[in-house]
Amino acid sequence: ACAGEIKIRAEDIYEISMLLDFYGQLLTDNQYMCMDMIKPGFEFVGIADEIEISRQGGHDFIKRGRAILAEYEKKLGLMARFCEIKKNLKNIQEDLQLIDRSDLNSGNLYMLEQIDKNLVNVITKI
């Protein structure tokens, strides 16, 4: 890699994608486009060619875009709250599975199954 080149690890791609979901519309169009192009196997050359700027320009858009997204997250914490809520919902759903259902009447058993189904729907859609 060239001196000063940004290295984006595979695990960072998911985080960038989530941050774009929360804050992407606050970026400039070119910053958003550059950040949205970060996928496994991406190259700065492809980004630069796509928006007709230099490779260094693509590199700079990515660097600034990541810094801006990180700053928004630091100030607003939407992604952190989202992840915490999702984790708590999963914990509730797992705890629900631990309830002894052997002594429950059919109405209560049905309600537990509905609660579990609703939790799974919420968890998979967020």
N, C-alpha and C. Protein backbone atom coordinates (compact mmCIF):
# COMPACT_ATOMS: atom_id res chain seq x y z
N ALA A 1 0.84 -1.19 0.00
CA ALA A 1 0.00 0.00 0.00
C ALA A 1 0.88 1.24 0.00
N CYS A 2 0.38 2.29 -0.59
CA CYS A 2 1.12 3.54 -0.65
C CYS A 2 1.17 4.18 0.72
N ALA A 3 2.17 5.01 0.90
CA ALA A 3 2.30 5.71 2.18
C ALA A 3 1.05 6.55 2.43
N GLY A 4 0.51 6.44 3.64
CA GLY A 4 -0.66 7.22 4.02
C GLY A 4 -1.98 6.68 3.49
N GLU A 5 -1.97 5.54 2.80
CA GLU A 5 -3.21 5.01 2.24
C GLU A 5 -4.07 4.43 3.35
N ILE A 6 -5.35 4.67 3.25
CA ILE A 6 -6.30 4.13 4.22
C ILE A 6 -6.43 2.63 3.99
N LYS A 7 -6.39 1.88 5.06
CA LYS A 7 -6.63 0.45 4.97
C LYS A 7 -7.97 0.19 5.63
N ILE A 8 -8.86 -0.44 4.90
CA ILE A 8 -10.17 -0.74 5.44
C ILE A 8 -10.29 -2.24 5.60
N ARG A 9 -10.40 -2.64 6.85
CA ARG A 9 -10.52 -4.06 7.17
C ARG A 9 -11.93 -4.53 6.87
N ALA A 10 -12.04 -5.82 6.63
CA ALA A 10 -13.35 -6.40 6.31
C ALA A 10 -14.37 -6.09 7.40
N GLU A 11 -13.97 -6.15 8.66
CA GLU A 11 -14.91 -5.88 9.75
C GLU A 11 -15.35 -4.41 9.80
N ASP A 12 -14.52 -3.52 9.23
CA ASP A 12 -14.89 -2.10 9.18
C ASP A 12 -15.98 -1.83 8.15
N ILE A 13 -16.06 -2.67 7.14
CA ILE A 13 -17.03 -2.46 6.07
C ILE A 13 -18.45 -2.51 6.62
N TYR A 14 -18.74 -3.45 7.51
CA TYR A 14 -20.07 -3.55 8.13
C TYR A 14 -20.37 -2.29 8.94
N GLU A 15 -19.40 -1.83 9.72
CA GLU A 15 -19.60 -0.63 10.54
C GLU A 15 -19.85 0.59 9.65
N ILE A 16 -19.07 0.73 8.60
CA ILE A 16 -19.26 1.86 7.68
C ILE A 16 -20.66 1.80 7.07
N SER A 17 -21.08 0.62 6.69
CA SER A 17 -22.41 0.46 6.10
C SER A 17 -23.50 0.88 7.09
N MET A 18 -23.35 0.47 8.35
CA MET A 18 -24.34 0.86 9.36
C MET A 18 -24.33 2.36 9.61
N LEU A 19 -23.12 2.94 9.70
CA LEU A 19 -23.03 4.38 9.91
C LEU A 19 -23.66 5.14 8.76
N LEU A 20 -23.49 4.63 7.54
CA LEU A 20 -24.13 5.26 6.38
C LEU A 20 -25.65 5.20 6.49
N ASP A 21 -26.17 4.09 7.02
CA ASP A 21 -27.62 3.99 7.20
C ASP A 21 -28.12 5.08 8.15
N PHE A 22 -27.37 5.35 9.18
CA PHE A 22 -27.79 6.34 10.17
C PHE A 22 -27.49 7.77 9.75
N TYR A 23 -26.32 8.01 9.18
CA TYR A 23 -25.85 9.38 8.97
C TYR A 23 -25.51 9.72 7.53
N GLY A 24 -25.67 8.79 6.62
CA GLY A 24 -25.22 8.99 5.24
C GLY A 24 -25.80 10.22 4.58
N GLN A 25 -27.05 10.54 4.88
CA GLN A 25 -27.69 11.68 4.23
C GLN A 25 -27.10 13.02 4.69
N LEU A 26 -26.26 12.98 5.72
CA LEU A 26 -25.61 14.20 6.20
C LEU A 26 -24.29 14.47 5.48
N LEU A 27 -23.85 13.51 4.66
CA LEU A 27 -22.63 13.68 3.87
C LEU A 27 -22.96 14.39 2.57
N THR A 28 -21.92 14.91 1.92
CA THR A 28 -22.13 15.44 0.57
C THR A 28 -22.44 14.28 -0.36
N ASP A 29 -22.99 14.57 -1.52
CA ASP A 29 -23.33 13.50 -2.46
C ASP A 29 -22.11 12.66 -2.82
N ASN A 30 -20.97 13.32 -3.12
CA ASN A 30 -19.77 12.57 -3.49
C ASN A 30 -19.21 11.78 -2.31
N GLN A 31 -19.23 12.34 -1.11
CA GLN A 31 -18.77 11.59 0.05
C GLN A 31 -19.64 10.36 0.26
N TYR A 32 -20.95 10.55 0.16
CA TYR A 32 -21.85 9.42 0.33
C TYR A 32 -21.60 8.36 -0.73
N MET A 33 -21.48 8.79 -1.99
CA MET A 33 -21.26 7.85 -3.08
C MET A 33 -19.97 7.05 -2.85
N CYS A 34 -18.91 7.75 -2.45
CA CYS A 34 -17.64 7.07 -2.18
C CYS A 34 -17.78 6.07 -1.04
N MET A 35 -18.40 6.51 0.04
CA MET A 35 -18.54 5.63 1.20
C MET A 35 -19.43 4.43 0.89
N ASP A 36 -20.45 4.66 0.09
CA ASP A 36 -21.38 3.59 -0.27
C ASP A 36 -20.73 2.56 -1.19
N MET A 37 -19.65 2.92 -1.84
CA MET A 37 -18.96 1.99 -2.74
C MET A 37 -18.01 1.07 -1.99
N ILE A 38 -17.83 1.29 -0.69
CA ILE A 38 -16.93 0.45 0.08
C ILE A 38 -17.62 -0.89 0.32
N LYS A 39 -17.15 -1.86 -0.39
CA LYS A 39 -17.64 -3.24 -0.31
C LYS A 39 -16.42 -4.14 -0.24
N PRO A 40 -16.59 -5.40 0.13
CA PRO A 40 -15.42 -6.28 0.11
C PRO A 40 -14.74 -6.26 -1.26
N GLY A 41 -13.43 -6.07 -1.26
CA GLY A 41 -12.65 -6.06 -2.48
C GLY A 41 -12.63 -4.73 -3.21
N PHE A 42 -13.16 -3.67 -2.60
CA PHE A 42 -13.17 -2.38 -3.28
C PHE A 42 -11.74 -1.86 -3.45
N GLU A 43 -11.58 -0.97 -4.40
CA GLU A 43 -10.29 -0.31 -4.62
C GLU A 43 -10.53 1.17 -4.82
N PHE A 44 -9.58 1.98 -4.37
CA PHE A 44 -9.69 3.43 -4.52
C PHE A 44 -9.76 3.81 -6.00
N VAL A 45 -9.09 3.05 -6.84
CA VAL A 45 -9.10 3.35 -8.27
C VAL A 45 -10.52 3.26 -8.81
N GLY A 46 -11.26 2.25 -8.41
CA GLY A 46 -12.64 2.08 -8.87
C GLY A 46 -13.52 3.22 -8.42
N ILE A 47 -13.34 3.65 -7.19
CA ILE A 47 -14.12 4.77 -6.67
C ILE A 47 -13.77 6.04 -7.44
N ALA A 48 -12.49 6.27 -7.62
CA ALA A 48 -12.04 7.47 -8.33
C ALA A 48 -12.59 7.49 -9.76
N ASP A 49 -12.52 6.36 -10.43
CA ASP A 49 -13.03 6.28 -11.81
C ASP A 49 -14.54 6.52 -11.85
N GLU A 50 -15.24 5.98 -10.89
CA GLU A 50 -16.71 6.08 -10.86
C GLU A 50 -17.18 7.52 -10.75
N ILE A 51 -16.54 8.31 -9.92
CA ILE A 51 -17.00 9.70 -9.75
C ILE A 51 -16.08 10.70 -10.44
N GLU A 52 -15.19 10.17 -11.27
CA GLU A 52 -14.32 10.99 -12.12
C GLU A 52 -13.47 11.98 -11.33
N ILE A 53 -12.77 11.43 -10.36
CA ILE A 53 -11.79 12.21 -9.60
C ILE A 53 -10.51 11.40 -9.56
N SER A 54 -9.47 12.00 -9.03
CA SER A 54 -8.20 11.27 -8.93
C SER A 54 -8.30 10.19 -7.86
N ARG A 55 -7.37 9.26 -7.92
CA ARG A 55 -7.29 8.21 -6.91
C ARG A 55 -7.12 8.85 -5.53
N GLN A 56 -6.27 9.88 -5.47
CA GLN A 56 -6.05 10.60 -4.21
C GLN A 56 -7.34 11.28 -3.76
N GLY A 57 -8.10 11.80 -4.71
CA GLY A 57 -9.38 12.43 -4.37
C GLY A 57 -10.35 11.42 -3.76
N GLY A 58 -10.41 10.22 -4.32
CA GLY A 58 -11.24 9.15 -3.75
C GLY A 58 -10.79 8.79 -2.36
N HIS A 59 -9.48 8.70 -2.21
CA HIS A 59 -8.87 8.41 -0.91
C HIS A 59 -9.28 9.48 0.10
N ASP A 60 -9.21 10.75 -0.31
CA ASP A 60 -9.55 11.86 0.59
C ASP A 60 -11.04 11.86 0.96
N PHE A 61 -11.91 11.57 -0.03
CA PHE A 61 -13.35 11.50 0.27
C PHE A 61 -13.63 10.42 1.32
N ILE A 62 -12.98 9.27 1.16
CA ILE A 62 -13.17 8.17 2.11
C ILE A 62 -12.67 8.58 3.50
N LYS A 63 -11.50 9.15 3.55
CA LYS A 63 -10.91 9.56 4.83
C LYS A 63 -11.81 10.57 5.54
N ARG A 64 -12.23 11.60 4.81
CA ARG A 64 -13.11 12.61 5.40
C ARG A 64 -14.47 12.03 5.75
N GLY A 65 -15.00 11.20 4.87
CA GLY A 65 -16.31 10.58 5.12
C GLY A 65 -16.30 9.74 6.38
N ARG A 66 -15.25 8.95 6.56
CA ARG A 66 -15.15 8.13 7.78
C ARG A 66 -15.04 9.01 9.02
N ALA A 67 -14.28 10.08 8.92
CA ALA A 67 -14.12 10.98 10.07
C ALA A 67 -15.45 11.65 10.41
N ILE A 68 -16.17 12.08 9.39
CA ILE A 68 -17.47 12.73 9.63
C ILE A 68 -18.46 11.75 10.24
N LEU A 69 -18.52 10.54 9.69
CA LEU A 69 -19.44 9.53 10.23
C LEU A 69 -19.09 9.21 11.69
N ALA A 70 -17.80 9.08 11.97
CA ALA A 70 -17.36 8.80 13.34
C ALA A 70 -17.73 9.94 14.28
N GLU A 71 -17.61 11.17 13.80
CA GLU A 71 -17.96 12.33 14.63
C GLU A 71 -19.47 12.36 14.92
N TYR A 72 -20.28 12.10 13.91
CA TYR A 72 -21.72 12.04 14.13
C TYR A 72 -22.07 10.97 15.15
N GLU A 73 -21.45 9.80 15.02
CA GLU A 73 -21.73 8.72 15.96
C GLU A 73 -21.28 9.10 17.37
N LYS A 74 -20.14 9.75 17.46
CA LYS A 74 -19.63 10.18 18.78
C LYS A 74 -20.61 11.15 19.44
N LYS A 75 -21.16 12.06 18.66
CA LYS A 75 -22.07 13.07 19.21
C LYS A 75 -23.48 12.54 19.44
N LEU A 76 -23.98 11.73 18.52
CA LEU A 76 -25.38 11.30 18.58
C LEU A 76 -25.57 9.87 19.11
N GLY A 77 -24.63 9.00 18.84
CA GLY A 77 -24.67 7.64 19.36
C GLY A 77 -25.83 6.79 18.88
N LEU A 78 -26.37 7.08 17.70
CA LEU A 78 -27.52 6.31 17.21
C LEU A 78 -27.18 4.85 16.96
N MET A 79 -26.03 4.59 16.36
CA MET A 79 -25.66 3.21 16.07
C MET A 79 -25.44 2.43 17.37
N ALA A 80 -24.78 3.04 18.33
CA ALA A 80 -24.54 2.37 19.61
C ALA A 80 -25.86 2.03 20.29
N ARG A 81 -26.80 2.99 20.28
CA ARG A 81 -28.11 2.73 20.89
C ARG A 81 -28.85 1.63 20.14
N PHE A 82 -28.78 1.67 18.83
CA PHE A 82 -29.42 0.64 18.01
C PHE A 82 -28.88 -0.74 18.37
N CYS A 83 -27.54 -0.85 18.43
CA CYS A 83 -26.91 -2.14 18.74
C CYS A 83 -27.28 -2.62 20.15
N GLU A 84 -27.37 -1.70 21.09
CA GLU A 84 -27.75 -2.05 22.46
C GLU A 84 -29.19 -2.54 22.52
N ILE A 85 -30.08 -1.86 21.81
CA ILE A 85 -31.48 -2.29 21.78
C ILE A 85 -31.60 -3.67 21.16
N LYS A 86 -30.90 -3.88 20.05
CA LYS A 86 -30.96 -5.19 19.38
C LYS A 86 -30.42 -6.29 20.30
N LYS A 87 -29.33 -6.00 21.00
CA LYS A 87 -28.75 -6.97 21.94
C LYS A 87 -29.74 -7.28 23.06
N ASN A 88 -30.39 -6.26 23.60
CA ASN A 88 -31.37 -6.47 24.67
C ASN A 88 -32.56 -7.28 24.19
N LEU A 89 -33.04 -7.02 22.98
CA LEU A 89 -34.14 -7.79 22.42
C LEU A 89 -33.75 -9.26 22.25
N LYS A 90 -32.53 -9.50 21.80
CA LYS A 90 -32.06 -10.89 21.67
C LYS A 90 -31.99 -11.57 23.03
N ASN A 91 -31.53 -10.83 24.05
CA ASN A 91 -31.47 -11.39 25.40
C ASN A 91 -32.86 -11.73 25.92
N ILE A 92 -33.83 -10.86 25.67
CA ILE A 92 -35.21 -11.12 26.08
C ILE A 92 -35.73 -12.37 25.38
N GLN A 93 -35.45 -12.46 24.09
CA GLN A 93 -35.91 -13.61 23.32
C GLN A 93 -35.27 -14.90 23.83
N GLU A 94 -33.99 -14.86 24.15
CA GLU A 94 -33.31 -16.03 24.70
C GLU A 94 -33.86 -16.40 26.08
N ASP A 95 -34.12 -15.40 26.92
CA ASP A 95 -34.69 -15.66 28.24
C ASP A 95 -36.08 -16.26 28.13
N LEU A 96 -36.82 -15.80 27.16
CA LEU A 96 -38.17 -16.33 26.92
C LEU A 96 -38.13 -17.83 26.64
N GLN A 97 -37.08 -18.26 25.95
CA GLN A 97 -36.93 -19.68 25.63
C GLN A 97 -36.69 -20.53 26.87
N LEU A 98 -36.21 -19.91 27.95
CA LEU A 98 -35.88 -20.64 29.17
C LEU A 98 -37.09 -20.88 30.09
N ILE A 99 -38.21 -20.24 29.77
CA ILE A 99 -39.39 -20.40 30.61
C ILE A 99 -39.91 -21.84 30.51
N ASP A 100 -40.16 -22.42 31.68
CA ASP A 100 -40.73 -23.78 31.73
C ASP A 100 -42.18 -23.70 31.27
N ARG A 101 -42.47 -24.35 30.18
CA ARG A 101 -43.80 -24.26 29.57
C ARG A 101 -44.67 -25.47 29.91
N SER A 102 -44.11 -26.40 30.68
CA SER A 102 -44.84 -27.65 30.93
C SER A 102 -46.13 -27.45 31.72
N ASP A 103 -46.19 -26.46 32.59
CA ASP A 103 -47.38 -26.24 33.42
C ASP A 103 -48.29 -25.13 32.90
N LEU A 104 -48.00 -24.62 31.72
CA LEU A 104 -48.80 -23.51 31.20
C LEU A 104 -50.05 -24.02 30.49
N ASN A 105 -51.14 -23.28 30.68
CA ASN A 105 -52.35 -23.64 29.93
C ASN A 105 -52.15 -23.20 28.48
N SER A 106 -53.04 -23.65 27.61
CA SER A 106 -52.87 -23.40 26.18
C SER A 106 -52.89 -21.90 25.86
N GLY A 107 -53.68 -21.11 26.58
CA GLY A 107 -53.73 -19.68 26.33
C GLY A 107 -52.42 -18.99 26.63
N ASN A 108 -51.81 -19.32 27.77
CA ASN A 108 -50.53 -18.73 28.14
C ASN A 108 -49.41 -19.22 27.23
N LEU A 109 -49.47 -20.49 26.86
CA LEU A 109 -48.47 -21.03 25.94
C LEU A 109 -48.55 -20.32 24.60
N TYR A 110 -49.76 -20.10 24.12
CA TYR A 110 -49.97 -19.38 22.86
C TYR A 110 -49.39 -17.96 22.97
N MET A 111 -49.65 -17.29 24.09
CA MET A 111 -49.14 -15.92 24.27
C MET A 111 -47.61 -15.90 24.26
N LEU A 112 -46.97 -16.86 24.91
CA LEU A 112 -45.51 -16.93 24.90
C LEU A 112 -44.99 -17.14 23.49
N GLU A 113 -45.65 -18.00 22.74
CA GLU A 113 -45.23 -18.25 21.37
C GLU A 113 -45.40 -16.99 20.52
N GLN A 114 -46.46 -16.24 20.74
CA GLN A 114 -46.67 -14.99 20.00
C GLN A 114 -45.62 -13.95 20.36
N ILE A 115 -45.31 -13.84 21.63
CA ILE A 115 -44.26 -12.91 22.07
C ILE A 115 -42.94 -13.27 21.42
N ASP A 116 -42.62 -14.56 21.42
CA ASP A 116 -41.37 -15.02 20.81
C ASP A 116 -41.36 -14.70 19.31
N LYS A 117 -42.45 -14.97 18.63
CA LYS A 117 -42.54 -14.70 17.19
C LYS A 117 -42.38 -13.21 16.92
N ASN A 118 -43.03 -12.37 17.72
CA ASN A 118 -42.92 -10.92 17.54
C ASN A 118 -41.50 -10.43 17.79
N LEU A 119 -40.84 -10.97 18.80
CA LEU A 119 -39.46 -10.58 19.07
C LEU A 119 -38.55 -10.96 17.91
N VAL A 120 -38.72 -12.16 17.39
CA VAL A 120 -37.91 -12.60 16.25
C VAL A 120 -38.15 -11.68 15.06
N ASN A 121 -39.40 -11.31 14.81
CA ASN A 121 -39.70 -10.39 13.70
C ASN A 121 -39.00 -9.05 13.89
N VAL A 122 -39.05 -8.51 15.09
CA VAL A 122 -38.43 -7.21 15.35
C VAL A 122 -36.92 -7.33 15.19
N ILE A 123 -36.32 -8.36 15.77
CA ILE A 123 -34.87 -8.53 15.73
C ILE A 123 -34.36 -8.67 14.30
N THR A 124 -35.06 -9.43 13.49
CA THR A 124 -34.59 -9.66 12.12
C THR A 124 -34.84 -8.47 11.21
N LYS A 125 -35.78 -7.59 11.57
CA LYS A 125 -36.06 -6.43 10.72
C LYS A 125 -35.26 -5.21 11.08
N ILE A 126 -34.63 -5.21 12.25
CA ILE A 126 -33.82 -4.03 12.61
C ILE A 126 -32.36 -4.27 12.33
